[in-house]
């Protein structure tokens, strides 16, 4: 069973556009869980343009499913997650100015940096996932630095899916089998939606978790949040 973690960053983007507390981020997280989400994901960025660091502290008190915090492991981020101690931290290689995550880690050139961060997180009982492209040397490098899981960056899959879904998925199937052989758990995220999610889940058979935010919020505008979450759960379990 692949778990659905709902990324609630876009709720915060909408709230911040008006400068008040609508929508309420805490209520949004609780509602997502009530509607069936099996995890809540947030990605606090240095400029706090959507999720704020204070949001993460409030969410710590109310999230009853798996709490996943994504981000680049600078000192401020590490201080936050070591205080909150979520179930999982997903380390991403984002530069501060990027709009959204657009590539995975080079685990070879960043091996010592990642190893240091992973040891610190695991020592506090936090499971660690590394954001990764489906590239064998980087997956092997992820295993060597001691991560528990990898999260495949699925942006290229989503872009290629409407043209040739078999070609779009092929690298991920091969990479997933390799990761599994190394004992790594497999997550996935970025641009997964109701059109391409079921196929990805069917082909990557060891998939443990997907993190989806933007597409869920877009669908919820037309379909409603509860119905949308149920549709995504159905895509993962059919």
Protein backbone atom coordinates (compact mmCIF):
# COMPACT_ATOMS: atom_id res chain seq x y z
CA UNK A 1 0.00 0.00 0.00
CA UNK A 2 1.49 3.33 -1.08
CA UNK A 3 0.87 6.10 1.41
CA UNK A 4 -0.41 9.54 0.36
CA UNK A 5 1.23 12.51 2.06
CA UNK A 6 -0.45 15.82 1.24
CA UNK A 7 1.89 18.77 0.84
CA UNK A 8 0.07 21.79 2.28
CA UNK A 9 2.47 24.51 1.09
CA UNK A 10 -0.06 25.89 -1.38
CA UNK A 11 -2.55 26.54 1.42
CA UNK A 12 0.11 28.77 2.94
CA UNK A 13 0.78 30.48 -0.39
CA UNK A 14 -2.87 31.46 -0.57
CA UNK A 15 -2.91 32.63 3.04
CA UNK A 16 0.20 34.73 2.61
CA UNK A 17 -1.24 36.48 -0.44
CA UNK A 18 -3.71 38.32 1.81
CA UNK A 19 -1.67 38.56 4.98
CA UNK A 20 -4.29 37.07 7.28
CA UNK A 21 -5.01 33.54 8.48
CA UNK A 22 -7.25 32.34 5.67
CA UNK A 23 -6.93 29.53 4.97
CA UNK A 24 -5.90 28.36 8.42
CA UNK A 25 -2.89 26.07 7.92
CA UNK A 26 -3.50 24.04 11.07
CA UNK A 27 -7.13 23.44 10.11
CA UNK A 28 -6.07 22.52 6.56
CA UNK A 29 -3.70 19.85 7.87
CA UNK A 30 -6.32 18.43 10.23
CA UNK A 31 -8.92 18.39 7.45
CA UNK A 32 -6.57 16.62 5.06
CA UNK A 33 -6.05 13.93 7.68
CA UNK A 34 -9.78 13.73 8.36
CA UNK A 35 -10.41 13.26 4.64
CA UNK A 36 -7.97 10.34 4.45
CA UNK A 37 -4.45 11.71 3.98
CA UNK A 38 -1.89 9.35 5.49
CA UNK A 39 0.72 12.04 6.00
CA UNK A 40 1.29 15.80 5.94
CA UNK A 41 4.27 17.32 4.12
CA UNK A 42 5.64 20.84 4.42
CA UNK A 43 8.63 22.50 2.78
CA UNK A 44 9.70 25.63 4.68
CA UNK A 45 12.01 27.74 2.54
CA UNK A 46 14.45 30.37 3.82
CA UNK A 47 12.27 33.27 2.62
CA UNK A 48 9.14 31.66 4.17
CA UNK A 49 7.15 32.53 1.06
CA UNK A 50 4.62 29.80 1.86
CA UNK A 51 5.06 27.61 4.94
CA UNK A 52 6.60 29.61 7.77
CA UNK A 53 8.84 28.17 10.43
CA UNK A 54 6.25 29.06 13.06
CA UNK A 55 3.69 27.02 11.07
CA UNK A 56 5.88 23.96 11.43
CA UNK A 57 5.98 24.37 15.20
CA UNK A 58 2.19 24.63 15.34
CA UNK A 59 1.71 21.67 13.03
CA UNK A 60 3.91 19.54 15.27
CA UNK A 61 1.17 19.72 17.90
CA UNK A 62 -1.72 18.62 15.66
CA UNK A 63 -0.46 16.26 12.94
CA UNK A 64 -1.52 12.75 13.91
CA UNK A 65 -0.40 10.97 10.74
CA UNK A 66 3.17 10.93 9.44
CA UNK A 67 4.77 14.38 9.47
CA UNK A 68 7.32 14.91 6.66
CA UNK A 69 9.42 18.08 6.51
CA UNK A 70 11.31 18.82 3.30
CA UNK A 71 14.12 21.29 2.84
CA UNK A 72 17.73 22.15 2.24
CA UNK A 73 19.72 21.25 5.37
CA UNK A 74 21.23 24.59 6.30
CA UNK A 75 21.68 25.29 10.00
CA UNK A 76 18.30 26.97 10.49
CA UNK A 77 16.48 24.06 8.86
CA UNK A 78 18.43 21.51 10.90
CA UNK A 79 17.67 23.38 14.13
CA UNK A 80 13.98 23.34 13.25
CA UNK A 81 13.65 19.67 12.40
CA UNK A 82 15.76 18.54 15.35
CA UNK A 83 13.39 20.50 17.58
CA UNK A 84 10.22 19.21 15.92
CA UNK A 85 11.41 15.62 15.38
CA UNK A 86 8.99 14.65 12.59
CA UNK A 87 8.66 11.07 11.43
CA UNK A 88 10.61 11.88 8.27
CA UNK A 89 12.87 14.61 6.92
CA UNK A 90 13.37 14.78 3.16
CA UNK A 91 16.57 16.58 2.22
CA UNK A 92 16.43 18.50 -1.07
CA UNK A 93 19.28 20.31 -2.87
CA UNK A 94 17.31 23.50 -3.56
CA UNK A 95 19.10 26.81 -3.83
CA UNK A 96 17.27 29.55 -1.87
CA UNK A 97 16.05 31.37 -5.00
CA UNK A 98 14.48 28.42 -6.87
CA UNK A 99 10.73 28.50 -7.44
CA UNK A 100 10.30 24.78 -6.85
CA UNK A 101 12.48 21.68 -6.59
CA UNK A 102 13.85 20.79 -10.01
CA UNK A 103 16.56 18.16 -9.52
CA UNK A 104 17.87 15.61 -7.09
CA UNK A 105 21.09 15.37 -5.10
CA UNK A 106 24.48 14.61 -6.54
CA UNK A 107 25.22 12.21 -3.71
CA UNK A 108 28.80 11.71 -4.85
CA UNK A 109 30.11 15.27 -4.67
CA UNK A 110 27.97 15.98 -1.59
CA UNK A 111 28.72 12.72 0.23
CA UNK A 112 30.41 14.10 3.34
CA UNK A 113 27.89 16.93 3.70
CA UNK A 114 24.92 14.57 3.43
CA UNK A 115 26.43 11.94 5.70
CA UNK A 116 26.90 14.50 8.48
CA UNK A 117 23.27 15.67 8.21
CA UNK A 118 21.87 12.15 8.02
CA UNK A 119 23.74 11.03 11.13
CA UNK A 120 22.45 14.03 13.07
CA UNK A 121 18.84 13.36 12.04
CA UNK A 122 18.91 9.61 12.56
CA UNK A 123 20.51 10.09 15.98
CA UNK A 124 17.32 11.95 16.94
CA UNK A 125 15.10 9.12 15.70
CA UNK A 126 14.15 10.78 12.42
CA UNK A 127 13.87 8.77 9.22
CA UNK A 128 15.77 10.42 6.35
CA UNK A 129 14.90 10.52 2.66
CA UNK A 130 17.04 12.08 -0.08
CA UNK A 131 15.50 13.74 -3.15
CA UNK A 132 17.06 11.86 -6.07
CA UNK A 133 16.97 11.61 -9.84
CA UNK A 134 16.66 8.03 -11.22
CA UNK A 135 20.41 7.78 -11.82
CA UNK A 136 22.23 4.66 -10.64
CA UNK A 137 25.47 6.28 -9.35
CA UNK A 138 23.48 8.81 -7.29
CA UNK A 139 21.26 6.06 -5.89
CA UNK A 140 24.32 4.03 -4.97
CA UNK A 141 25.77 7.15 -3.38
CA UNK A 142 22.57 7.59 -1.39
CA UNK A 143 23.00 4.13 0.04
CA UNK A 144 26.61 4.84 0.97
CA UNK A 145 25.78 8.02 2.91
CA UNK A 146 23.30 6.07 5.01
CA UNK A 147 19.89 7.43 4.07
CA UNK A 148 16.83 5.33 4.89
CA UNK A 149 14.88 6.21 1.77
CA UNK A 150 15.12 8.10 -1.47
CA UNK A 151 12.40 10.25 -3.03
CA UNK A 152 12.40 10.16 -6.80
CA UNK A 153 12.06 13.54 -8.47
CA UNK A 154 9.20 12.77 -10.85
CA UNK A 155 9.07 16.03 -12.80
CA UNK A 156 10.61 14.47 -15.95
CA UNK A 157 8.21 11.52 -15.71
CA UNK A 158 5.20 13.84 -15.55
CA UNK A 159 6.45 15.91 -18.50
CA UNK A 160 7.02 12.85 -20.70
CA UNK A 161 3.94 10.87 -19.61
CA UNK A 162 1.44 12.39 -22.12
CA UNK A 163 3.81 11.65 -25.01
CA UNK A 164 4.98 8.12 -24.22
CA UNK A 165 4.18 6.71 -20.79
CA UNK A 166 6.29 3.56 -21.26
CA UNK A 167 9.37 5.62 -22.06
CA UNK A 168 8.55 8.07 -19.28
CA UNK A 169 8.52 5.38 -16.62
CA UNK A 170 11.38 3.16 -17.82
CA UNK A 171 14.24 4.88 -15.97
CA UNK A 172 12.23 4.90 -12.74
CA UNK A 173 11.44 1.18 -12.91
CA UNK A 174 15.11 0.33 -13.37
CA UNK A 175 16.21 2.78 -10.69
CA UNK A 176 13.61 1.52 -8.23
CA UNK A 177 14.77 -2.08 -8.59
CA UNK A 178 18.34 -0.97 -8.02
CA UNK A 179 17.38 1.07 -4.95
CA UNK A 180 15.45 -1.85 -3.51
CA UNK A 181 18.45 -4.13 -4.02
CA UNK A 182 20.45 -1.70 -1.87
CA UNK A 183 17.85 -1.81 0.90
CA UNK A 184 16.54 1.72 0.30
CA UNK A 185 12.89 2.61 0.73
CA UNK A 186 11.32 4.46 -2.20
CA UNK A 187 9.18 7.62 -2.11
CA UNK A 188 8.24 9.85 -5.04
CA UNK A 189 7.05 13.37 -5.63
CA UNK A 190 6.73 16.35 -7.97
CA UNK A 191 4.06 16.89 -10.63
CA UNK A 192 2.27 13.63 -9.88
CA UNK A 193 -1.46 14.02 -10.52
CA UNK A 194 -4.65 12.09 -11.21
CA UNK A 195 -3.59 11.47 -14.81
CA UNK A 196 -0.18 9.92 -14.16
CA UNK A 197 -0.20 8.69 -10.55
CA UNK A 198 -1.89 5.31 -10.98
CA UNK A 199 0.47 4.24 -13.75
CA UNK A 200 3.55 5.30 -11.80
CA UNK A 201 2.36 3.39 -8.75
CA UNK A 202 1.57 0.28 -10.78
CA UNK A 203 4.97 0.22 -12.46
CA UNK A 204 7.16 1.16 -9.48
CA UNK A 205 5.99 -1.76 -7.38
CA UNK A 206 8.05 -1.02 -4.26
CA UNK A 207 6.77 2.54 -3.91
CA UNK A 208 6.14 3.35 -0.26
CA UNK A 209 4.94 6.96 -0.27
CA UNK A 210 4.06 9.84 -2.57
CA UNK A 211 4.05 13.49 -1.59
CA UNK A 212 1.62 15.60 -3.62
CA UNK A 213 0.56 19.19 -3.08
CA UNK A 214 0.09 21.47 -6.08
CA UNK A 215 -2.04 19.06 -8.11
CA UNK A 216 -4.25 18.21 -5.13
CA UNK A 217 -4.96 21.87 -4.44
CA UNK A 218 -5.68 22.56 -8.12
CA UNK A 219 -8.10 19.61 -8.31
CA UNK A 220 -9.73 20.60 -5.04
CA UNK A 221 -10.79 23.94 -6.53
CA UNK A 222 -13.13 22.05 -8.86
CA UNK A 223 -13.77 18.80 -7.01
CA UNK A 224 -13.56 19.74 -3.34
CA UNK A 225 -10.76 18.77 -0.98
CA UNK A 226 -12.33 15.68 0.55
CA UNK A 227 -13.35 14.23 -2.82
CA UNK A 228 -9.92 15.02 -4.30
CA UNK A 229 -8.01 13.26 -1.54
CA UNK A 230 -10.26 10.23 -1.92
CA UNK A 231 -9.61 10.17 -5.68
CA UNK A 232 -5.85 10.21 -5.11
CA UNK A 233 -6.11 7.42 -2.55
CA UNK A 234 -8.17 5.42 -5.06
CA UNK A 235 -5.47 5.92 -7.70
CA UNK A 236 -2.90 4.52 -5.32
CA UNK A 237 -4.95 1.50 -4.34
CA UNK A 238 -6.37 0.25 -7.63
